[in-house]
Amino acid sequence: MNAHRTRAFTGLLPLAVLALGLAGCQRKPREAFHPITLSWHASTSPVAGYRIYRADNPYGFASPLAVTAAGATQYTDATAKSGHTYVYSVRAVNSAHIESVASNKITVTTPDK
């Protein structure tokens, strides 16, 4: 009889551990995004598009974020996280993929959630 009780208890143990494990799980809060819309004056030279650069701080390396069409003079960064600071610049790109000098940099801090 004792052997039977032990097996029954052992069979319930994994379920109890699973229930305790699930009870301790919490969903991480979803990261909030805050879109930033950039606009610029069109180049007076023929362009194939514009390349937008973004850095995470004024002294950080700016990486390419997006390339727009030739006629675009606006871009919305939908990946900007709330409560962060970003530095943007724009360069015109010609049909040979040669970039112009970078525009003035603009620093944007998004509001917290």
PDB file of N, CA and C in Angstrom:
ATOM      1  N   MET A   1       0.800  -1.194   0.000  1.00  0.00           N
ATOM      2  CA  MET A   1       0.000   0.000   0.000  1.00  0.00           C
ATOM      3  C   MET A   1       0.847   1.263   0.000  1.00  0.00           C
ATOM      4  N   ASN A   2       1.931   1.279   0.766  1.00  0.00           N
ATOM      5  CA  ASN A   2       2.815   2.444   0.768  1.00  0.00           C
ATOM      6  C   ASN A   2       3.412   2.710  -0.603  1.00  0.00           C
ATOM      7  N   ALA A   3       3.749   1.664  -1.329  1.00  0.00           N
ATOM      8  CA  ALA A   3       4.336   1.818  -2.657  1.00  0.00           C
ATOM      9  C   ALA A   3       3.337   2.494  -3.590  1.00  0.00           C
ATOM     10  N   HIS A   4       2.067   2.140  -3.476  1.00  0.00           N
ATOM     11  CA  HIS A   4       1.046   2.731  -4.324  1.00  0.00           C
ATOM     12  C   HIS A   4       0.891   4.230  -4.035  1.00  0.00           C
ATOM     13  N   ARG A   5       0.892   4.587  -2.773  1.00  0.00           N
ATOM     14  CA  ARG A   5       0.769   6.004  -2.389  1.00  0.00           C
ATOM     15  C   ARG A   5       1.965   6.807  -2.910  1.00  0.00           C
ATOM     16  N   THR A   6       3.150   6.259  -2.838  1.00  0.00           N
ATOM     17  CA  THR A   6       4.346   6.953  -3.294  1.00  0.00           C
ATOM     18  C   THR A   6       4.259   7.229  -4.790  1.00  0.00           C
ATOM     19  N   ARG A   7       3.801   6.223  -5.548  1.00  0.00           N
ATOM     20  CA  ARG A   7       3.684   6.435  -6.989  1.00  0.00           C
ATOM     21  C   ARG A   7       2.653   7.506  -7.301  1.00  0.00           C
ATOM     22  N   ALA A   8       1.569   7.537  -6.601  1.00  0.00           N
ATOM     23  CA  ALA A   8       0.537   8.541  -6.840  1.00  0.00           C
ATOM     24  C   ALA A   8       1.079   9.937  -6.532  1.00  0.00           C
ATOM     25  N   PHE A   9       1.811  10.085  -5.456  1.00  0.00           N
ATOM     26  CA  PHE A   9       2.382  11.371  -5.083  1.00  0.00           C
ATOM     27  C   PHE A   9       3.426  11.813  -6.106  1.00  0.00           C
ATOM     28  N   THR A  10       4.272  10.871  -6.540  1.00  0.00           N
ATOM     29  CA  THR A  10       5.299  11.179  -7.529  1.00  0.00           C
ATOM     30  C   THR A  10       4.658  11.636  -8.828  1.00  0.00           C
ATOM     31  N   GLY A  11       3.540  11.057  -9.174  1.00  0.00           N
ATOM     32  CA  GLY A  11       2.845  11.452 -10.399  1.00  0.00           C
ATOM     33  C   GLY A  11       2.300  12.867 -10.320  1.00  0.00           C
ATOM     34  N   LEU A  12       1.962  13.333  -9.134  1.00  0.00           N
ATOM     35  CA  LEU A  12       1.425  14.678  -8.986  1.00  0.00           C
ATOM     36  C   LEU A  12       2.512  15.744  -8.881  1.00  0.00           C
ATOM     37  N   LEU A  13       3.706  15.357  -8.500  1.00  0.00           N
ATOM     38  CA  LEU A  13       4.783  16.319  -8.294  1.00  0.00           C
ATOM     39  C   LEU A  13       5.097  17.145  -9.538  1.00  0.00           C
ATOM     40  N   PRO A  14       5.268  16.563 -10.710  1.00  0.00           N
ATOM     41  CA  PRO A  14       5.563  17.401 -11.876  1.00  0.00           C
ATOM     42  C   PRO A  14       4.479  18.436 -12.161  1.00  0.00           C
ATOM     43  N   LEU A  15       3.233  18.092 -11.930  1.00  0.00           N
ATOM     44  CA  LEU A  15       2.155  19.054 -12.141  1.00  0.00           C
ATOM     45  C   LEU A  15       2.243  20.210 -11.151  1.00  0.00           C
ATOM     46  N   ALA A  16       2.601  19.929  -9.927  1.00  0.00           N
ATOM     47  CA  ALA A  16       2.731  20.975  -8.921  1.00  0.00           C
ATOM     48  C   ALA A  16       3.877  21.917  -9.277  1.00  0.00           C
ATOM     49  N   VAL A  17       4.977  21.371  -9.750  1.00  0.00           N
ATOM     50  CA  VAL A  17       6.115  22.205 -10.156  1.00  0.00           C
ATOM     51  C   VAL A  17       5.737  23.059 -11.353  1.00  0.00           C
ATOM     52  N   LEU A  18       5.030  22.514 -12.297  1.00  0.00           N
ATOM     53  CA  LEU A  18       4.587  23.260 -13.461  1.00  0.00           C
ATOM     54  C   LEU A  18       3.684  24.413 -13.037  1.00  0.00           C
ATOM     55  N   ALA A  19       2.769  24.154 -12.131  1.00  0.00           N
ATOM     56  CA  ALA A  19       1.864  25.201 -11.664  1.00  0.00           C
ATOM     57  C   ALA A  19       2.638  26.314 -10.963  1.00  0.00           C
ATOM     58  N   LEU A  20       3.635  25.957 -10.147  1.00  0.00           N
ATOM     59  CA  LEU A  20       4.439  26.977  -9.479  1.00  0.00           C
ATOM     60  C   LEU A  20       5.260  27.768 -10.486  1.00  0.00           C
ATOM     61  N   GLY A  21       5.782  27.088 -11.502  1.00  0.00           N
ATOM     62  CA  GLY A  21       6.561  27.775 -12.523  1.00  0.00           C
ATOM     63  C   GLY A  21       5.723  28.763 -13.300  1.00  0.00           C
ATOM     64  N   LEU A  22       4.520  28.396 -13.649  1.00  0.00           N
ATOM     65  CA  LEU A  22       3.641  29.298 -14.392  1.00  0.00           C
ATOM     66  C   LEU A  22       3.165  30.455 -13.529  1.00  0.00           C
ATOM     67  N   ALA A  23       2.959  30.215 -12.264  1.00  0.00           N
ATOM     68  CA  ALA A  23       2.491  31.281 -11.382  1.00  0.00           C
ATOM     69  C   ALA A  23       3.549  32.374 -11.250  1.00  0.00           C
ATOM     70  N   GLY A  24       4.838  32.016 -11.366  1.00  0.00           N
ATOM     71  CA  GLY A  24       5.902  33.002 -11.240  1.00  0.00           C
ATOM     72  C   GLY A  24       6.195  33.750 -12.526  1.00  0.00           C
ATOM     73  N   CYS A  25       5.624  33.320 -13.631  1.00  0.00           N
ATOM     74  CA  CYS A  25       5.879  33.977 -14.921  1.00  0.00           C
ATOM     75  C   CYS A  25       5.106  35.281 -15.004  1.00  0.00           C
ATOM     76  N   GLN A  26       5.771  36.287 -15.505  1.00  0.00           N
ATOM     77  CA  GLN A  26       5.105  37.566 -15.731  1.00  0.00           C
ATOM     78  C   GLN A  26       5.430  38.016 -17.136  1.00  0.00           C
ATOM     79  N   ARG A  27       4.472  38.599 -17.792  1.00  0.00           N
ATOM     80  CA  ARG A  27       4.717  39.120 -19.124  1.00  0.00           C
ATOM     81  C   ARG A  27       5.546  40.390 -19.009  1.00  0.00           C
ATOM     82  N   LYS A  28       6.526  40.501 -19.886  1.00  0.00           N
ATOM     83  CA  LYS A  28       7.305  41.731 -19.920  1.00  0.00           C
ATOM     84  C   LYS A  28       6.431  42.815 -20.522  1.00  0.00           C
ATOM     85  N   PRO A  29       6.531  44.036 -20.006  1.00  0.00           N
ATOM     86  CA  PRO A  29       5.738  45.097 -20.610  1.00  0.00           C
ATOM     87  C   PRO A  29       6.191  45.329 -22.046  1.00  0.00           C
ATOM     88  N   ARG A  30       5.238  45.586 -22.902  1.00  0.00           N
ATOM     89  CA  ARG A  30       5.566  45.844 -24.304  1.00  0.00           C
ATOM     90  C   ARG A  30       6.338  47.142 -24.404  1.00  0.00           C
ATOM     91  N   GLU A  31       7.316  47.143 -25.264  1.00  0.00           N
ATOM     92  CA  GLU A  31       8.112  48.338 -25.469  1.00  0.00           C
ATOM     93  C   GLU A  31       7.273  49.343 -26.256  1.00  0.00           C
ATOM     94  N   ALA A  32       7.278  50.569 -25.815  1.00  0.00           N
ATOM     95  CA  ALA A  32       6.490  51.598 -26.485  1.00  0.00           C
ATOM     96  C   ALA A  32       7.347  52.299 -27.538  1.00  0.00           C
ATOM     97  N   PHE A  33       6.731  52.591 -28.648  1.00  0.00           N
ATOM     98  CA  PHE A  33       7.403  53.306 -29.723  1.00  0.00           C
ATOM     99  C   PHE A  33       6.782  54.676 -29.889  1.00  0.00           C
ATOM    100  N   HIS A  34       7.583  55.610 -30.340  1.00  0.00           N
ATOM    101  CA  HIS A  34       7.104  56.970 -30.548  1.00  0.00           C
ATOM    102  C   HIS A  34       7.616  57.438 -31.911  1.00  0.00           C
ATOM    103  N   PRO A  35       6.780  57.382 -32.951  1.00  0.00           N
ATOM    104  CA  PRO A  35       7.227  57.740 -34.294  1.00  0.00           C
ATOM    105  C   PRO A  35       7.765  59.173 -34.362  1.00  0.00           C
ATOM    106  N   ILE A  36       8.837  59.345 -35.136  1.00  0.00           N
ATOM    107  CA  ILE A  36       9.440  60.659 -35.353  1.00  0.00           C
ATOM    108  C   ILE A  36       9.415  60.923 -36.849  1.00  0.00           C
ATOM    109  N   THR A  37       8.846  62.056 -37.252  1.00  0.00           N
ATOM    110  CA  THR A  37       8.794  62.417 -38.656  1.00  0.00           C
ATOM    111  C   THR A  37       9.847  63.476 -38.951  1.00  0.00           C
ATOM    112  N   LEU A  38      10.699  63.174 -39.908  1.00  0.00           N
ATOM    113  CA  LEU A  38      11.747  64.088 -40.347  1.00  0.00           C
ATOM    114  C   LEU A  38      11.338  64.676 -41.686  1.00  0.00           C
ATOM    115  N   SER A  39      11.683  65.926 -41.932  1.00  0.00           N
ATOM    116  CA  SER A  39      11.426  66.519 -43.246  1.00  0.00           C
ATOM    117  C   SER A  39      12.625  67.376 -43.630  1.00  0.00           C
ATOM    118  N   TRP A  40      12.842  67.541 -44.915  1.00  0.00           N
ATOM    119  CA  TRP A  40      13.981  68.298 -45.418  1.00  0.00           C
ATOM    120  C   TRP A  40      13.606  68.938 -46.741  1.00  0.00           C
ATOM    121  N   HIS A  41      14.445  69.877 -47.180  1.00  0.00           N
ATOM    122  CA  HIS A  41      14.249  70.523 -48.481  1.00  0.00           C
ATOM    123  C   HIS A  41      14.857  69.624 -49.549  1.00  0.00           C
ATOM    124  N   ALA A  42      14.198  69.555 -50.691  1.00  0.00           N
ATOM    125  CA  ALA A  42      14.697  68.723 -51.786  1.00  0.00           C
ATOM    126  C   ALA A  42      16.024  69.276 -52.297  1.00  0.00           C
ATOM    127  N   SER A  43      16.863  68.388 -52.759  1.00  0.00           N
ATOM    128  CA  SER A  43      18.145  68.780 -53.338  1.00  0.00           C
ATOM    129  C   SER A  43      17.896  69.505 -54.654  1.00  0.00           C
ATOM    130  N   THR A  44      18.755  70.470 -54.963  1.00  0.00           N
ATOM    131  CA  THR A  44      18.642  71.168 -56.250  1.00  0.00           C
ATOM    132  C   THR A  44      19.316  70.373 -57.363  1.00  0.00           C
ATOM    133  N   SER A  45      20.106  69.367 -57.002  1.00  0.00           N
ATOM    134  CA  SER A  45      20.736  68.466 -57.980  1.00  0.00           C
ATOM    135  C   SER A  45      19.851  67.242 -58.172  1.00  0.00           C
ATOM    136  N   PRO A  46      19.979  66.563 -59.312  1.00  0.00           N
ATOM    137  CA  PRO A  46      19.200  65.326 -59.512  1.00  0.00           C
ATOM    138  C   PRO A  46      19.619  64.262 -58.489  1.00  0.00           C
ATOM    139  N   VAL A  47      18.658  63.629 -57.876  1.00  0.00           N
ATOM    140  CA  VAL A  47      18.942  62.592 -56.880  1.00  0.00           C
ATOM    141  C   VAL A  47      18.132  61.336 -57.182  1.00  0.00           C
ATOM    142  N   ALA A  48      18.677  60.207 -56.730  1.00  0.00           N
ATOM    143  CA  ALA A  48      17.962  58.931 -56.843  1.00  0.00           C
ATOM    144  C   ALA A  48      17.159  58.670 -55.572  1.00  0.00           C
ATOM    145  N   GLY A  49      17.491  59.380 -54.499  1.00  0.00           N
ATOM    146  CA  GLY A  49      16.799  59.215 -53.224  1.00  0.00           C
ATOM    147  C   GLY A  49      17.586  59.878 -52.110  1.00  0.00           C
ATOM    148  N   TYR A  50      17.147  59.634 -50.899  1.00  0.00           N
ATOM    149  CA  TYR A  50      17.797  60.197 -49.711  1.00  0.00           C
ATOM    150  C   TYR A  50      18.046  59.069 -48.722  1.00  0.00           C
ATOM    151  N   ARG A  51      19.205  59.105 -48.089  1.00  0.00           N
ATOM    152  CA  ARG A  51      19.542  58.106 -47.074  1.00  0.00           C
ATOM    153  C   ARG A  51      19.470  58.783 -45.709  1.00  0.00           C
ATOM    154  N   ILE A  52      18.706  58.193 -44.815  1.00  0.00           N
ATOM    155  CA  ILE A  52      18.543  58.724 -43.457  1.00  0.00           C
ATOM    156  C   ILE A  52      19.470  57.946 -42.534  1.00  0.00           C
ATOM    157  N   TYR A  53      20.196  58.683 -41.701  1.00  0.00           N
ATOM    158  CA  TYR A  53      21.110  58.088 -40.724  1.00  0.00           C
ATOM    159  C   TYR A  53      20.607  58.386 -39.320  1.00  0.00           C
ATOM    160  N   ARG A  54      20.845  57.439 -38.404  1.00  0.00           N
ATOM    161  CA  ARG A  54      20.436  57.629 -37.010  1.00  0.00           C
ATOM    162  C   ARG A  54      21.529  57.123 -36.077  1.00  0.00           C
ATOM    163  N   ALA A  55      21.809  57.908 -35.034  1.00  0.00           N
ATOM    164  CA  ALA A  55      22.727  57.510 -33.968  1.00  0.00           C
ATOM    165  C   ALA A  55      21.956  57.530 -32.661  1.00  0.00           C
ATOM    166  N   ASP A  56      22.422  56.756 -31.693  1.00  0.00           N
ATOM    167  CA  ASP A  56      21.738  56.680 -30.394  1.00  0.00           C
ATOM    168  C   ASP A  56      22.185  57.757 -29.414  1.00  0.00           C
ATOM    169  N   ASN A  57      23.207  58.520 -29.778  1.00  0.00           N
ATOM    170  CA  ASN A  57      23.649  59.631 -28.934  1.00  0.00           C
ATOM    171  C   ASN A  57      24.485  60.585 -29.789  1.00  0.00           C
ATOM    172  N   PRO A  58      24.709  61.814 -29.333  1.00  0.00           N
ATOM    173  CA  PRO A  58      25.413  62.801 -30.159  1.00  0.00           C
ATOM    174  C   PRO A  58      26.832  62.384 -30.559  1.00  0.00           C
ATOM    175  N   TYR A  59      27.455  61.498 -29.812  1.00  0.00           N
ATOM    176  CA  TYR A  59      28.826  61.101 -30.103  1.00  0.00           C
ATOM    177  C   TYR A  59      28.912  59.701 -30.690  1.00  0.00           C
ATOM    178  N   GLY A  60      27.769  59.079 -30.898  1.00  0.00           N
ATOM    179  CA  GLY A  60      27.749  57.709 -31.402  1.00  0.00           C
ATOM    180  C   GLY A  60      27.854  57.642 -32.914  1.00  0.00           C
ATOM    181  N   PHE A  61      28.106  56.450 -33.392  1.00  0.00           N
ATOM    182  CA  PHE A  61      28.193  56.180 -34.828  1.00  0.00           C
ATOM    183  C   PHE A  61      26.790  56.183 -35.421  1.00  0.00           C
ATOM    184  N   ALA A  62      26.608  56.948 -36.482  1.00  0.00           N
ATOM    185  CA  ALA A  62      25.307  56.990 -37.156  1.00  0.00           C
ATOM    186  C   ALA A  62      25.249  55.880 -38.195  1.00  0.00           C
ATOM    187  N   SER A  63      24.244  55.033 -38.104  1.00  0.00           N
ATOM    188  CA  SER A  63      24.080  53.974 -39.089  1.00  0.00           C
ATOM    189  C   SER A  63      22.918  54.290 -40.015  1.00  0.00           C
ATOM    190  N   PRO A  64      22.980  53.760 -41.230  1.00  0.00           N
ATOM    191  CA  PRO A  64      21.871  53.988 -42.162  1.00  0.00           C
ATOM    192  C   PRO A  64      20.582  53.391 -41.607  1.00  0.00           C
ATOM    193  N   LEU A  65      19.537  54.180 -41.665  1.00  0.00           N
ATOM    194  CA  LEU A  65      18.238  53.744 -41.153  1.00  0.00           C
ATOM    195  C   LEU A  65      17.294  53.399 -42.298  1.00  0.00           C
ATOM    196  N   ALA A  66      17.314  54.216 -43.356  1.00  0.00           N
ATOM    197  CA  ALA A  66      16.378  54.006 -44.457  1.00  0.00           C
ATOM    198  C   ALA A  66      16.861  54.750 -45.700  1.00  0.00           C
ATOM    199  N   VAL A  67      16.302  54.352 -46.828  1.00  0.00           N
ATOM    200  CA  VAL A  67      16.520  55.057 -48.093  1.00  0.00           C
ATOM    201  C   VAL A  67      15.140  55.392 -48.643  1.00  0.00           C
ATOM    202  N   THR A  68      14.979  56.627 -49.064  1.00  0.00           N
ATOM    203  CA  THR A  68      13.682  57.055 -49.592  1.00  0.00           C
ATOM    204  C   THR A  68      13.728  57.134 -51.113  1.00  0.00           C
ATOM    205  N   ALA A  69      12.597  57.373 -51.713  1.00  0.00           N
ATOM    206  CA  ALA A  69      12.494  57.583 -53.162  1.00  0.00           C
ATOM    207  C   ALA A  69      13.021  58.974 -53.509  1.00  0.00           C
ATOM    208  N   ALA A  70      13.252  59.202 -54.787  1.00  0.00           N
ATOM    209  CA  ALA A  70      13.840  60.457 -55.265  1.00  0.00           C
ATOM    210  C   ALA A  70      13.014  61.683 -54.874  1.00  0.00           C
ATOM    211  N   GLY A  71      11.726  61.621 -54.983  1.00  0.00           N
ATOM    212  CA  GLY A  71      10.889  62.786 -54.725  1.00  0.00           C
ATOM    213  C   GLY A  71      10.528  63.012 -53.268  1.00  0.00           C
ATOM    214  N   ALA A  72      10.960  62.149 -52.390  1.00  0.00           N
ATOM    215  CA  ALA A  72      10.577  62.246 -50.975  1.00  0.00           C
ATOM    216  C   ALA A  72      11.288  63.409 -50.301  1.00  0.00           C
ATOM    217  N   THR A  73      10.588  64.067 -49.415  1.00  0.00           N
ATOM    218  CA  THR A  73      11.187  65.107 -48.569  1.00  0.00           C
ATOM    219  C   THR A  73      10.751  64.902 -47.122  1.00  0.00           C
ATOM    220  N   GLN A  74      10.325  63.676 -46.828  1.00  0.00           N
ATOM    221  CA  GLN A  74       9.859  63.357 -45.477  1.00  0.00           C
ATOM    222  C   GLN A  74      10.040  61.867 -45.225  1.00  0.00           C
ATOM    223  N   TYR A  75      10.330  61.537 -43.957  1.00  0.00           N
ATOM    224  CA  TYR A  75      10.453  60.134 -43.550  1.00  0.00           C
ATOM    225  C   TYR A  75       9.992  60.015 -42.108  1.00  0.00           C
ATOM    226  N   THR A  76       9.247  58.958 -41.795  1.00  0.00           N
ATOM    227  CA  THR A  76       8.813  58.710 -40.424  1.00  0.00           C
ATOM    228  C   THR A  76       9.541  57.487 -39.888  1.00  0.00           C
ATOM    229  N   ASP A  77      10.268  57.694 -38.797  1.00  0.00           N
ATOM    230  CA  ASP A  77      10.965  56.609 -38.107  1.00  0.00           C
ATOM    231  C   ASP A  77       9.991  55.996 -37.111  1.00  0.00           C
ATOM    232  N   ALA A  78       9.425  54.865 -37.470  1.00  0.00           N
ATOM    233  CA  ALA A  78       8.438  54.195 -36.617  1.00  0.00           C
ATOM    234  C   ALA A  78       9.107  53.299 -35.581  1.00  0.00           C
ATOM    235  N   THR A  79      10.441  53.183 -35.617  1.00  0.00           N
ATOM    236  CA  THR A  79      11.147  52.295 -34.687  1.00  0.00           C
ATOM    237  C   THR A  79      11.743  53.045 -33.498  1.00  0.00           C
ATOM    238  N   ALA A  80      11.506  54.339 -33.400  1.00  0.00           N
ATOM    239  CA  ALA A  80      12.043  55.117 -32.285  1.00  0.00           C
ATOM    240  C   ALA A  80      11.307  54.735 -30.999  1.00  0.00           C
ATOM    241  N   LYS A  81      12.073  54.382 -29.990  1.00  0.00           N
ATOM    242  CA  LYS A  81      11.497  53.954 -28.718  1.00  0.00           C
ATOM    243  C   LYS A  81      11.223  55.154 -27.821  1.00  0.00           C
ATOM    244  N   SER A  82      10.173  55.056 -27.057  1.00  0.00           N
ATOM    245  CA  SER A  82       9.829  56.109 -26.108  1.00  0.00           C
ATOM    246  C   SER A  82      10.930  56.258 -25.065  1.00  0.00           C
ATOM    247  N   GLY A  83      11.216  57.500 -24.698  1.00  0.00           N
ATOM    248  CA  GLY A  83      12.194  57.777 -23.659  1.00  0.00           C
ATOM    249  C   GLY A  83      13.640  57.670 -24.122  1.00  0.00           C
ATOM    250  N   HIS A  84      13.890  57.709 -25.416  1.00  0.00           N
ATOM    251  CA  HIS A  84      15.251  57.619 -25.949  1.00  0.00           C
ATOM    252  C   HIS A  84      15.620  58.894 -26.699  1.00  0.00           C
ATOM    253  N   THR A  85      16.916  59.117 -26.859  1.00  0.00           N
ATOM    254  CA  THR A  85      17.421  60.256 -27.628  1.00  0.00           C
ATOM    255  C   THR A  85      18.087  59.718 -28.884  1.00  0.00           C
ATOM    256  N   TYR A  86      17.783  60.347 -30.017  1.00  0.00           N
ATOM    257  CA  TYR A  86      18.343  59.953 -31.299  1.00  0.00           C
ATOM    258  C   TYR A  86      18.900  61.182 -32.004  1.00  0.00           C
ATOM    259  N   VAL A  87      19.919  60.952 -32.842  1.00  0.00           N
ATOM    260  CA  VAL A  87      20.504  62.010 -33.656  1.00  0.00           C
ATOM    261  C   VAL A  87      20.350  61.582 -35.115  1.00  0.00           C
ATOM    262  N   TYR A  88      19.727  62.439 -35.927  1.00  0.00           N
ATOM    263  CA  TYR A  88      19.453  62.120 -37.323  1.00  0.00           C
ATOM    264  C   TYR A  88      20.215  63.052 -38.256  1.00  0.00           C
ATOM    265  N   SER A  89      20.527  62.525 -39.442  1.00  0.00           N
ATOM    266  CA  SER A  89      21.028  63.343 -40.542  1.00  0.00           C
ATOM    267  C   SER A  89      20.548  62.703 -41.840  1.00  0.00           C
ATOM    268  N   VAL A  90      20.554  63.479 -42.910  1.00  0.00           N
ATOM    269  CA  VAL A  90      20.071  63.022 -44.213  1.00  0.00           C
ATOM    270  C   VAL A  90      21.140  63.320 -45.256  1.00  0.00           C
ATOM    271  N   ARG A  91      21.298  62.428 -46.215  1.00  0.00           N
ATOM    272  CA  ARG A  91      22.220  62.632 -47.334  1.00  0.00           C
ATOM    273  C   ARG A  91      21.481  62.328 -48.628  1.00  0.00           C
ATOM    274  N   ALA A  92      21.675  63.164 -49.627  1.00  0.00           N
ATOM    275  CA  ALA A  92      21.125  62.888 -50.951  1.00  0.00           C
ATOM    276  C   ALA A  92      22.017  61.836 -51.616  1.00  0.00           C
ATOM    277  N   VAL A  93      21.398  60.977 -52.422  1.00  0.00           N
ATOM    278  CA  VAL A  93      22.133  59.918 -53.123  1.00  0.00           C
ATOM    279  C   VAL A  93      21.817  60.046 -54.611  1.00  0.00           C
ATOM    280  N   ASN A  94      22.877  60.083 -55.451  1.00  0.00           N
ATOM    281  CA  ASN A  94      22.626  60.194 -56.891  1.00  0.00           C
ATOM    282  C   ASN A  94      22.500  58.812 -57.522  1.00  0.00           C
ATOM    283  N   SER A  95      22.305  58.767 -58.827  1.00  0.00           N
ATOM    284  CA  SER A  95      22.077  57.493 -59.517  1.00  0.00           C
ATOM    285  C   SER A  95      23.315  56.591 -59.496  1.00  0.00           C
ATOM    286  N   ALA A  96      24.514  57.149 -59.249  1.00  0.00           N
ATOM    287  CA  ALA A  96      25.735  56.339 -59.132  1.00  0.00           C
ATOM    288  C   ALA A  96      25.960  55.891 -57.683  1.00  0.00           C
ATOM    289  N   HIS A  97      24.977  56.138 -56.806  1.00  0.00           N
ATOM    290  CA  HIS A  97      25.013  55.772 -55.387  1.00  0.00           C
ATOM    291  C   HIS A  97      26.059  56.564 -54.598  1.00  0.00           C
ATOM    292  N   ILE A  98      26.394  57.733 -55.077  1.00  0.00           N
ATOM    293  CA  ILE A  98      27.318  58.611 -54.366  1.00  0.00           C
ATOM    294  C   ILE A  98      26.488  59.531 -53.483  1.00  0.00           C
ATOM    295  N   GLU A  99      26.886  59.630 -52.218  1.00  0.00           N
ATOM    296  CA  GLU A  99      26.143  60.429 -51.251  1.00  0.00           C
ATOM    297  C   GLU A  99      26.689  61.846 -51.164  1.00  0.00           C
ATOM    298  N   SER A 100      25.796  62.750 -50.876  1.00  0.00           N
ATOM    299  CA  SER A 100      26.194  64.133 -50.625  1.00  0.00           C
ATOM    300  C   SER A 100      26.775  64.251 -49.223  1.00  0.00           C
ATOM    301  N   VAL A 101      27.211  65.432 -48.896  1.00  0.00           N
ATOM    302  CA  VAL A 101      27.615  65.734 -47.525  1.00  0.00           C
ATOM    303  C   VAL A 101      26.359  65.634 -46.661  1.00  0.00           C
ATOM    304  N   ALA A 102      26.527  65.245 -45.419  1.00  0.00           N
ATOM    305  CA  ALA A 102      25.376  65.090 -44.518  1.00  0.00           C
ATOM    306  C   ALA A 102      24.728  66.437 -44.216  1.00  0.00           C
ATOM    307  N   SER A 103      23.447  66.399 -44.011  1.00  0.00           N
ATOM    308  CA  SER A 103      22.707  67.583 -43.565  1.00  0.00           C
ATOM    309  C   SER A 103      23.145  67.949 -42.155  1.00  0.00           C
ATOM    310  N   ASN A 104      22.621  69.040 -41.658  1.00  0.00           N
ATOM    311  CA  ASN A 104      22.824  69.343 -40.240  1.00  0.00           C
ATOM    312  C   ASN A 104      22.196  68.218 -39.431  1.00  0.00           C
ATOM    313  N   LYS A 105      22.792  67.929 -38.292  1.00  0.00           N
ATOM    314  CA  LYS A 105      22.237  66.902 -37.409  1.00  0.00           C
ATOM    315  C   LYS A 105      21.121  67.501 -36.577  1.00  0.00           C
ATOM    316  N   ILE A 106      20.144  66.671 -36.308  1.00  0.00           N
ATOM    317  CA  ILE A 106      19.060  67.086 -35.426  1.00  0.00           C
ATOM    318  C   ILE A 106      18.938  66.040 -34.320  1.00  0.00           C
ATOM    319  N   THR A 107      18.826  66.501 -33.093  1.00  0.00           N
ATOM    320  CA  THR A 107      18.699  65.617 -31.943  1.00  0.00           C
ATOM    321  C   THR A 107      17.243  65.630 -31.471  1.00  0.00           C
ATOM    322  N   VAL A 108      16.704  64.456 -31.282  1.00  0.00           N
ATOM    323  CA  VAL A 108      15.301  64.317 -30.851  1.00  0.00           C
ATOM    324  C   VAL A 108      15.240  63.384 -29.657  1.00  0.00           C
ATOM    325  N   THR A 109      14.573  63.821 -28.596  1.00  0.00           N
ATOM    326  CA  THR A 109      14.308  62.964 -27.447  1.00  0.00           C
ATOM    327  C   THR A 109      12.820  62.680 -27.417  1.00  0.00           C
ATOM    328  N   THR A 110      12.475  61.399 -27.464  1.00  0.00           N
ATOM    329  CA  THR A 110      11.065  61.032 -27.458  1.00  0.00           C
ATOM    330  C   THR A 110      10.520  61.066 -26.034  1.00  0.00           C
ATOM    331  N   PRO A 111       9.252  61.378 -25.885  1.00  0.00           N
ATOM    332  CA  PRO A 111       8.663  61.376 -24.536  1.00  0.00           C
ATOM    333  C   PRO A 111       8.576  59.962 -23.980  1.00  0.00           C
ATOM    334  N   ASP A 112       8.552  59.862 -22.675  1.00  0.00           N
ATOM    335  CA  ASP A 112       8.331  58.558 -22.051  1.00  0.00           C
ATOM    336  C   ASP A 112       6.935  58.094 -22.399  1.00  0.00           C
ATOM    337  N   LYS A 113       6.705  56.811 -22.196  1.00  0.00           N
ATOM    338  CA  LYS A 113       5.408  56.194 -22.503  1.00  0.00           C
ATOM    339  C   LYS A 113       4.301  57.079 -22.183  1.00  0.00           C
TER     340      LYS A 113
END
